[in-house]
Amino acid sequence: YDGSGALFGGITTSEVYLIRAESSARLGETSA
């Protein structure tokens, strides 16, 4: 996500969607 050979190590919305998805699954909320 740096558009170069340097590797991105920051924070993205895609990570946040996956955090919320995993948290919902672990809390038993399959649909969410």
PDB file of all heavy atoms in Angstrom:
ATOM      1  N   TYR A   1       0.824  -1.206   0.000  1.00  0.00           N
ATOM      2  CA  TYR A   1       0.000   0.000   0.000  1.00  0.00           C
ATOM      3  C   TYR A   1       0.862   1.261   0.000  1.00  0.00           C
ATOM      4  O   TYR A   1       0.319   2.373   0.088  1.00  0.00           O
ATOM      5  CB  TYR A   1      -0.925   0.003   1.215  1.00  0.00           C
ATOM      6  CG  TYR A   1      -2.223  -0.747   1.004  1.00  0.00           C
ATOM      7  CD1 TYR A   1      -2.279  -1.887   0.195  1.00  0.00           C
ATOM      8  CD2 TYR A   1      -3.396  -0.341   1.619  1.00  0.00           C
ATOM      9  CE1 TYR A   1      -3.463  -2.571   0.011  1.00  0.00           C
ATOM     10  CE2 TYR A   1      -4.585  -1.026   1.442  1.00  0.00           C
ATOM     11  CZ  TYR A   1      -4.620  -2.141   0.638  1.00  0.00           C
ATOM     12  OH  TYR A   1      -5.807  -2.821   0.455  1.00  0.00           O
ATOM     13  N   ASP A   2       2.168   1.099  -0.125  1.00  0.00           N
ATOM     14  CA  ASP A   2       3.044   2.258  -0.301  1.00  0.00           C
ATOM     15  C   ASP A   2       3.288   2.561  -1.771  1.00  0.00           C
ATOM     16  O   ASP A   2       3.920   3.561  -2.102  1.00  0.00           O
ATOM     17  CB  ASP A   2       4.386   2.024   0.402  1.00  0.00           C
ATOM     18  CG  ASP A   2       5.256   3.266   0.429  1.00  0.00           C
ATOM     19  OD1 ASP A   2       4.801   4.294   0.963  1.00  0.00           O
ATOM     20  OD2 ASP A   2       6.388   3.232  -0.111  1.00  0.00           O
ATOM     21  N   GLY A   3       2.849   1.681  -2.668  1.00  0.00           N
ATOM     22  CA  GLY A   3       3.081   1.894  -4.087  1.00  0.00           C
ATOM     23  C   GLY A   3       4.541   1.809  -4.464  1.00  0.00           C
ATOM     24  O   GLY A   3       4.975   2.404  -5.463  1.00  0.00           O
ATOM     25  N   SER A   4       5.303   1.040  -3.685  1.00  0.00           N
ATOM     26  CA  SER A   4       6.742   0.923  -3.920  1.00  0.00           C
ATOM     27  C   SER A   4       7.222  -0.416  -3.387  1.00  0.00           C
ATOM     28  O   SER A   4       6.439  -1.240  -2.930  1.00  0.00           O
ATOM     29  CB  SER A   4       7.489   2.058  -3.213  1.00  0.00           C
ATOM     30  OG  SER A   4       7.518   1.856  -1.802  1.00  0.00           O
ATOM     31  N   GLY A   5       8.567  -0.599  -3.403  1.00  0.00           N
ATOM     32  CA  GLY A   5       9.134  -1.820  -2.856  1.00  0.00           C
ATOM     33  C   GLY A   5       9.157  -1.834  -1.345  1.00  0.00           C
ATOM     34  O   GLY A   5       9.375  -2.876  -0.729  1.00  0.00           O
ATOM     35  N   ALA A   6       8.939  -0.676  -0.711  1.00  0.00           N
ATOM     36  CA  ALA A   6       8.838  -0.626   0.747  1.00  0.00           C
ATOM     37  C   ALA A   6       7.511  -1.225   1.174  1.00  0.00           C
ATOM     38  O   ALA A   6       6.475  -0.981   0.541  1.00  0.00           O
ATOM     39  CB  ALA A   6       8.956   0.811   1.235  1.00  0.00           C
ATOM     40  N   LEU A   7       7.517  -2.001   2.225  1.00  0.00           N
ATOM     41  CA  LEU A   7       6.297  -2.690   2.632  1.00  0.00           C
ATOM     42  C   LEU A   7       5.478  -1.847   3.598  1.00  0.00           C
ATOM     43  O   LEU A   7       6.002  -1.287   4.560  1.00  0.00           O
ATOM     44  CB  LEU A   7       6.645  -4.035   3.265  1.00  0.00           C
ATOM     45  CG  LEU A   7       7.244  -5.054   2.288  1.00  0.00           C
ATOM     46  CD1 LEU A   7       7.648  -6.321   3.015  1.00  0.00           C
ATOM     47  CD2 LEU A   7       6.263  -5.369   1.167  1.00  0.00           C
ATOM     48  N   PHE A   8       4.194  -1.769   3.326  1.00  0.00           N
ATOM     49  CA  PHE A   8       3.261  -0.993   4.145  1.00  0.00           C
ATOM     50  C   PHE A   8       3.047  -1.698   5.479  1.00  0.00           C
ATOM     51  O   PHE A   8       2.799  -2.900   5.528  1.00  0.00           O
ATOM     52  CB  PHE A   8       1.939  -0.847   3.396  1.00  0.00           C
ATOM     53  CG  PHE A   8       0.876  -0.109   4.154  1.00  0.00           C
ATOM     54  CD1 PHE A   8       0.776   1.263   4.077  1.00  0.00           C
ATOM     55  CD2 PHE A   8      -0.038  -0.801   4.935  1.00  0.00           C
ATOM     56  CE1 PHE A   8      -0.220   1.948   4.769  1.00  0.00           C
ATOM     57  CE2 PHE A   8      -1.030  -0.133   5.629  1.00  0.00           C
ATOM     58  CZ  PHE A   8      -1.127   1.247   5.548  1.00  0.00           C
ATOM     59  N   GLY A   9       3.113  -0.943   6.566  1.00  0.00           N
ATOM     60  CA  GLY A   9       2.863  -1.517   7.883  1.00  0.00           C
ATOM     61  C   GLY A   9       1.904  -0.694   8.707  1.00  0.00           C
ATOM     62  O   GLY A   9       1.905  -0.778   9.936  1.00  0.00           O
ATOM     63  N   GLY A  10       1.091   0.122   8.053  1.00  0.00           N
ATOM     64  CA  GLY A  10       0.181   1.003   8.767  1.00  0.00           C
ATOM     65  C   GLY A  10      -1.164   0.352   9.071  1.00  0.00           C
ATOM     66  O   GLY A  10      -1.254  -0.854   9.322  1.00  0.00           O
ATOM     67  N   ILE A  11      -2.222   1.158   9.027  1.00  0.00           N
ATOM     68  CA  ILE A  11      -3.562   0.705   9.394  1.00  0.00           C
ATOM     69  C   ILE A  11      -4.516   1.019   8.252  1.00  0.00           C
ATOM     70  O   ILE A  11      -4.478   2.114   7.689  1.00  0.00           O
ATOM     71  CB  ILE A  11      -4.052   1.397  10.684  1.00  0.00           C
ATOM     72  CG1 ILE A  11      -2.993   1.301  11.795  1.00  0.00           C
ATOM     73  CG2 ILE A  11      -5.360   0.773  11.154  1.00  0.00           C
ATOM     74  CD1 ILE A  11      -3.341   2.104  13.034  1.00  0.00           C
ATOM     75  N   THR A  12      -5.370   0.067   7.905  1.00  0.00           N
ATOM     76  CA  THR A  12      -6.297   0.244   6.792  1.00  0.00           C
ATOM     77  C   THR A  12      -7.728  -0.101   7.201  1.00  0.00           C
ATOM     78  O   THR A  12      -7.956  -0.833   8.174  1.00  0.00           O
ATOM     79  CB  THR A  12      -5.912  -0.653   5.607  1.00  0.00           C
ATOM     80  OG1 THR A  12      -6.063  -2.032   6.008  1.00  0.00           O
ATOM     81  CG2 THR A  12      -4.466  -0.404   5.163  1.00  0.00           C
ATOM     82  N   THR A  13      -8.668   0.400   6.417  1.00  0.00           N
ATOM     83  CA  THR A  13     -10.063   0.036   6.665  1.00  0.00           C
ATOM     84  C   THR A  13     -10.316  -1.445   6.425  1.00  0.00           C
ATOM     85  O   THR A  13     -11.162  -2.047   7.095  1.00  0.00           O
ATOM     86  CB  THR A  13     -11.001   0.862   5.765  1.00  0.00           C
ATOM     87  OG1 THR A  13     -10.572   0.732   4.399  1.00  0.00           O
ATOM     88  CG2 THR A  13     -11.000   2.324   6.152  1.00  0.00           C
ATOM     89  N   SER A  14      -9.594  -2.058   5.491  1.00  0.00           N
ATOM     90  CA  SER A  14      -9.793  -3.485   5.241  1.00  0.00           C
ATOM     91  C   SER A  14      -9.462  -4.300   6.489  1.00  0.00           C
ATOM     92  O   SER A  14     -10.160  -5.276   6.804  1.00  0.00           O
ATOM     93  CB  SER A  14      -8.937  -3.954   4.058  1.00  0.00           C
ATOM     94  OG  SER A  14      -7.584  -3.599   4.224  1.00  0.00           O
ATOM     95  N   GLU A  15      -8.412  -3.907   7.214  1.00  0.00           N
ATOM     96  CA  GLU A  15      -8.104  -4.580   8.473  1.00  0.00           C
ATOM     97  C   GLU A  15      -9.235  -4.400   9.474  1.00  0.00           C
ATOM     98  O   GLU A  15      -9.612  -5.343  10.186  1.00  0.00           O
ATOM     99  CB  GLU A  15      -6.798  -4.044   9.075  1.00  0.00           C
ATOM    100  CG  GLU A  15      -6.450  -4.698  10.400  1.00  0.00           C
ATOM    101  CD  GLU A  15      -5.320  -4.013  11.160  1.00  0.00           C
ATOM    102  OE1 GLU A  15      -4.678  -3.108  10.596  1.00  0.00           O
ATOM    103  OE2 GLU A  15      -5.098  -4.390  12.334  1.00  0.00           O
ATOM    104  N   VAL A  16      -9.800  -3.210   9.534  1.00  0.00           N
ATOM    105  CA  VAL A  16     -10.850  -2.923  10.512  1.00  0.00           C
ATOM    106  C   VAL A  16     -12.111  -3.734  10.209  1.00  0.00           C
ATOM    107  O   VAL A  16     -12.758  -4.257  11.125  1.00  0.00           O
ATOM    108  CB  VAL A  16     -11.155  -1.416  10.550  1.00  0.00           C
ATOM    109  CG1 VAL A  16     -12.282  -1.123  11.541  1.00  0.00           C
ATOM    110  CG2 VAL A  16      -9.900  -0.631  10.943  1.00  0.00           C
ATOM    111  N   TYR A  17     -12.476  -3.868   8.941  1.00  0.00           N
ATOM    112  CA  TYR A  17     -13.618  -4.725   8.582  1.00  0.00           C
ATOM    113  C   TYR A  17     -13.376  -6.158   9.061  1.00  0.00           C
ATOM    114  O   TYR A  17     -14.290  -6.825   9.567  1.00  0.00           O
ATOM    115  CB  TYR A  17     -13.845  -4.716   7.074  1.00  0.00           C
ATOM    116  CG  TYR A  17     -14.692  -3.565   6.580  1.00  0.00           C
ATOM    117  CD1 TYR A  17     -14.117  -2.453   5.987  1.00  0.00           C
ATOM    118  CD2 TYR A  17     -16.086  -3.599   6.699  1.00  0.00           C
ATOM    119  CE1 TYR A  17     -14.894  -1.395   5.521  1.00  0.00           C
ATOM    120  CE2 TYR A  17     -16.878  -2.552   6.237  1.00  0.00           C
ATOM    121  CZ  TYR A  17     -16.279  -1.446   5.654  1.00  0.00           C
ATOM    122  OH  TYR A  17     -17.051  -0.404   5.197  1.00  0.00           O
ATOM    123  N   LEU A  18     -12.139  -6.636   8.904  1.00  0.00           N
ATOM    124  CA  LEU A  18     -11.836  -8.008   9.315  1.00  0.00           C
ATOM    125  C   LEU A  18     -11.822  -8.146  10.836  1.00  0.00           C
ATOM    126  O   LEU A  18     -12.205  -9.192  11.373  1.00  0.00           O
ATOM    127  CB  LEU A  18     -10.489  -8.429   8.717  1.00  0.00           C
ATOM    128  CG  LEU A  18     -10.537  -8.719   7.213  1.00  0.00           C
ATOM    129  CD1 LEU A  18      -9.130  -8.752   6.632  1.00  0.00           C
ATOM    130  CD2 LEU A  18     -11.260 -10.037   6.937  1.00  0.00           C
ATOM    131  N   ILE A  19     -11.379  -7.116  11.540  1.00  0.00           N
ATOM    132  CA  ILE A  19     -11.434  -7.139  13.007  1.00  0.00           C
ATOM    133  C   ILE A  19     -12.880  -7.227  13.470  1.00  0.00           C
ATOM    134  O   ILE A  19     -13.224  -8.030  14.349  1.00  0.00           O
ATOM    135  CB  ILE A  19     -10.759  -5.885  13.598  1.00  0.00           C
ATOM    136  CG1 ILE A  19      -9.248  -5.938  13.395  1.00  0.00           C
ATOM    137  CG2 ILE A  19     -11.080  -5.763  15.097  1.00  0.00           C
ATOM    138  CD1 ILE A  19      -8.519  -4.666  13.806  1.00  0.00           C
ATOM    139  N   ARG A  20     -13.750  -6.407  12.869  1.00  0.00           N
ATOM    140  CA  ARG A  20     -15.155  -6.445  13.286  1.00  0.00           C
ATOM    141  C   ARG A  20     -15.805  -7.767  12.902  1.00  0.00           C
ATOM    142  O   ARG A  20     -16.614  -8.324  13.676  1.00  0.00           O
ATOM    143  CB  ARG A  20     -15.923  -5.272  12.683  1.00  0.00           C
ATOM    144  CG  ARG A  20     -17.310  -5.111  13.309  1.00  0.00           C
ATOM    145  CD  ARG A  20     -17.955  -3.796  12.953  1.00  0.00           C
ATOM    146  NE  ARG A  20     -18.351  -3.712  11.543  1.00  0.00           N
ATOM    147  CZ  ARG A  20     -19.019  -2.685  11.025  1.00  0.00           C
ATOM    148  NH1 ARG A  20     -19.350  -1.654  11.790  1.00  0.00           N
ATOM    149  NH2 ARG A  20     -19.348  -2.677   9.731  1.00  0.00           N
ATOM    150  N   ALA A  21     -15.444  -8.290  11.744  1.00  0.00           N
ATOM    151  CA  ALA A  21     -15.999  -9.576  11.329  1.00  0.00           C
ATOM    152  C   ALA A  21     -15.587 -10.682  12.298  1.00  0.00           C
ATOM    153  O   ALA A  21     -16.427 -11.484  12.739  1.00  0.00           O
ATOM    154  CB  ALA A  21     -15.529  -9.911   9.915  1.00  0.00           C
ATOM    155  N   GLU A  22     -14.293 -10.742  12.625  1.00  0.00           N
ATOM    156  CA  GLU A  22     -13.831 -11.789  13.546  1.00  0.00           C
ATOM    157  C   GLU A  22     -14.471 -11.638  14.919  1.00  0.00           C
ATOM    158  O   GLU A  22     -14.885 -12.632  15.542  1.00  0.00           O
ATOM    159  CB  GLU A  22     -12.303 -11.752  13.674  1.00  0.00           C
ATOM    160  CG  GLU A  22     -11.784 -12.818  14.621  1.00  0.00           C
ATOM    161  CD  GLU A  22     -10.268 -12.852  14.753  1.00  0.00           C
ATOM    162  OE1 GLU A  22      -9.569 -12.302  13.875  1.00  0.00           O
ATOM    163  OE2 GLU A  22      -9.767 -13.451  15.729  1.00  0.00           O
ATOM    164  N   SER A  23     -14.539 -10.407  15.408  1.00  0.00           N
ATOM    165  CA  SER A  23     -15.125 -10.183  16.729  1.00  0.00           C
ATOM    166  C   SER A  23     -16.587 -10.607  16.753  1.00  0.00           C
ATOM    167  O   SER A  23     -17.042 -11.249  17.713  1.00  0.00           O
ATOM    168  CB  SER A  23     -14.999  -8.709  17.110  1.00  0.00           C
ATOM    169  OG  SER A  23     -13.643  -8.314  17.154  1.00  0.00           O
ATOM    170  N   SER A  24     -17.326 -10.290  15.709  1.00  0.00           N
ATOM    171  CA  SER A  24     -18.733 -10.699  15.651  1.00  0.00           C
ATOM    172  C   SER A  24     -18.864 -12.216  15.640  1.00  0.00           C
ATOM    173  O   SER A  24     -19.718 -12.788  16.324  1.00  0.00           O
ATOM    174  CB  SER A  24     -19.398 -10.111  14.396  1.00  0.00           C
ATOM    175  OG  SER A  24     -19.479  -8.707  14.478  1.00  0.00           O
ATOM    176  N   ALA A  25     -17.996 -12.889  14.876  1.00  0.00           N
ATOM    177  CA  ALA A  25     -18.046 -14.356  14.829  1.00  0.00           C
ATOM    178  C   ALA A  25     -17.759 -14.952  16.201  1.00  0.00           C
ATOM    179  O   ALA A  25     -18.439 -15.889  16.636  1.00  0.00           O
ATOM    180  CB  ALA A  25     -17.044 -14.876  13.799  1.00  0.00           C
ATOM    181  N   ARG A  26     -16.777 -14.399  16.886  1.00  0.00           N
ATOM    182  CA  ARG A  26     -16.420 -14.935  18.205  1.00  0.00           C
ATOM    183  C   ARG A  26     -17.504 -14.647  19.244  1.00  0.00           C
ATOM    184  O   ARG A  26     -17.587 -15.332  20.263  1.00  0.00           O
ATOM    185  CB  ARG A  26     -15.077 -14.367  18.652  1.00  0.00           C
ATOM    186  CG  ARG A  26     -13.899 -14.917  17.834  1.00  0.00           C
ATOM    187  CD  ARG A  26     -12.571 -14.395  18.355  1.00  0.00           C
ATOM    188  NE  ARG A  26     -11.425 -14.885  17.608  1.00  0.00           N
ATOM    189  CZ  ARG A  26     -10.826 -16.054  17.804  1.00  0.00           C
ATOM    190  NH1 ARG A  26     -11.295 -16.883  18.736  1.00  0.00           N
ATOM    191  NH2 ARG A  26      -9.773 -16.413  17.105  1.00  0.00           N
ATOM    192  N   LEU A  27     -18.316 -13.646  18.983  1.00  0.00           N
ATOM    193  CA  LEU A  27     -19.424 -13.324  19.877  1.00  0.00           C
ATOM    194  C   LEU A  27     -20.718 -14.019  19.466  1.00  0.00           C
ATOM    195  O   LEU A  27     -21.779 -13.758  20.028  1.00  0.00           O
ATOM    196  CB  LEU A  27     -19.632 -11.806  19.914  1.00  0.00           C
ATOM    197  CG  LEU A  27     -18.485 -11.008  20.553  1.00  0.00           C
ATOM    198  CD1 LEU A  27     -18.672  -9.517  20.303  1.00  0.00           C
ATOM    199  CD2 LEU A  27     -18.396 -11.296  22.049  1.00  0.00           C
ATOM    200  N   GLY A  28     -20.636 -14.903  18.459  1.00  0.00           N
ATOM    201  CA  GLY A  28     -21.785 -15.693  18.047  1.00  0.00           C
ATOM    202  C   GLY A  28     -22.724 -15.006  17.084  1.00  0.00           C
ATOM    203  O   GLY A  28     -23.824 -15.508  16.829  1.00  0.00           O
ATOM    204  N   GLU A  29     -22.315 -13.882  16.502  1.00  0.00           N
ATOM    205  CA  GLU A  29     -23.172 -13.142  15.578  1.00  0.00           C
ATOM    206  C   GLU A  29     -22.749 -13.447  14.139  1.00  0.00           C
ATOM    207  O   GLU A  29     -22.033 -12.674  13.493  1.00  0.00           O
ATOM    208  CB  GLU A  29     -23.116 -11.649  15.895  1.00  0.00           C
ATOM    209  CG  GLU A  29     -23.611 -11.341  17.296  1.00  0.00           C
ATOM    210  CD  GLU A  29     -23.763  -9.854  17.556  1.00  0.00           C
ATOM    211  OE1 GLU A  29     -23.662  -9.063  16.595  1.00  0.00           O
ATOM    212  OE2 GLU A  29     -23.968  -9.492  18.720  1.00  0.00           O
ATOM    213  N   THR A  30     -23.202 -14.574  13.654  1.00  0.00           N
ATOM    214  CA  THR A  30     -22.769 -15.101  12.364  1.00  0.00           C
ATOM    215  C   THR A  30     -23.138 -14.172  11.211  1.00  0.00           C
ATOM    216  O   THR A  30     -22.328 -13.902  10.325  1.00  0.00           O
ATOM    217  CB  THR A  30     -23.378 -16.488  12.127  1.00  0.00           C
ATOM    218  OG1 THR A  30     -23.017 -17.355  13.211  1.00  0.00           O
ATOM    219  CG2 THR A  30     -22.890 -17.089  10.820  1.00  0.00           C
ATOM    220  N   SER A  31     -24.359 -13.683  11.189  1.00  0.00           N
ATOM    221  CA  SER A  31     -24.827 -12.855  10.082  1.00  0.00           C
ATOM    222  C   SER A  31     -24.006 -11.573   9.966  1.00  0.00           C
ATOM    223  O   SER A  31     -23.581 -11.188   8.866  1.00  0.00           O
ATOM    224  CB  SER A  31     -26.306 -12.525  10.266  1.00  0.00           C
ATOM    225  OG  SER A  31     -26.765 -11.696   9.213  1.00  0.00           O
ATOM    226  N   ALA A  32     -23.779 -10.900  11.093  1.00  0.00           N
ATOM    227  CA  ALA A  32     -22.997  -9.661  11.073  1.00  0.00           C
ATOM    228  C   ALA A  32     -21.569  -9.932  10.631  1.00  0.00           C
ATOM    229  O   ALA A  32     -20.977  -9.148   9.877  1.00  0.00           O
ATOM    230  CB  ALA A  32     -23.009  -9.026  12.462  1.00  0.00           C
TER     231      ALA A  32
END
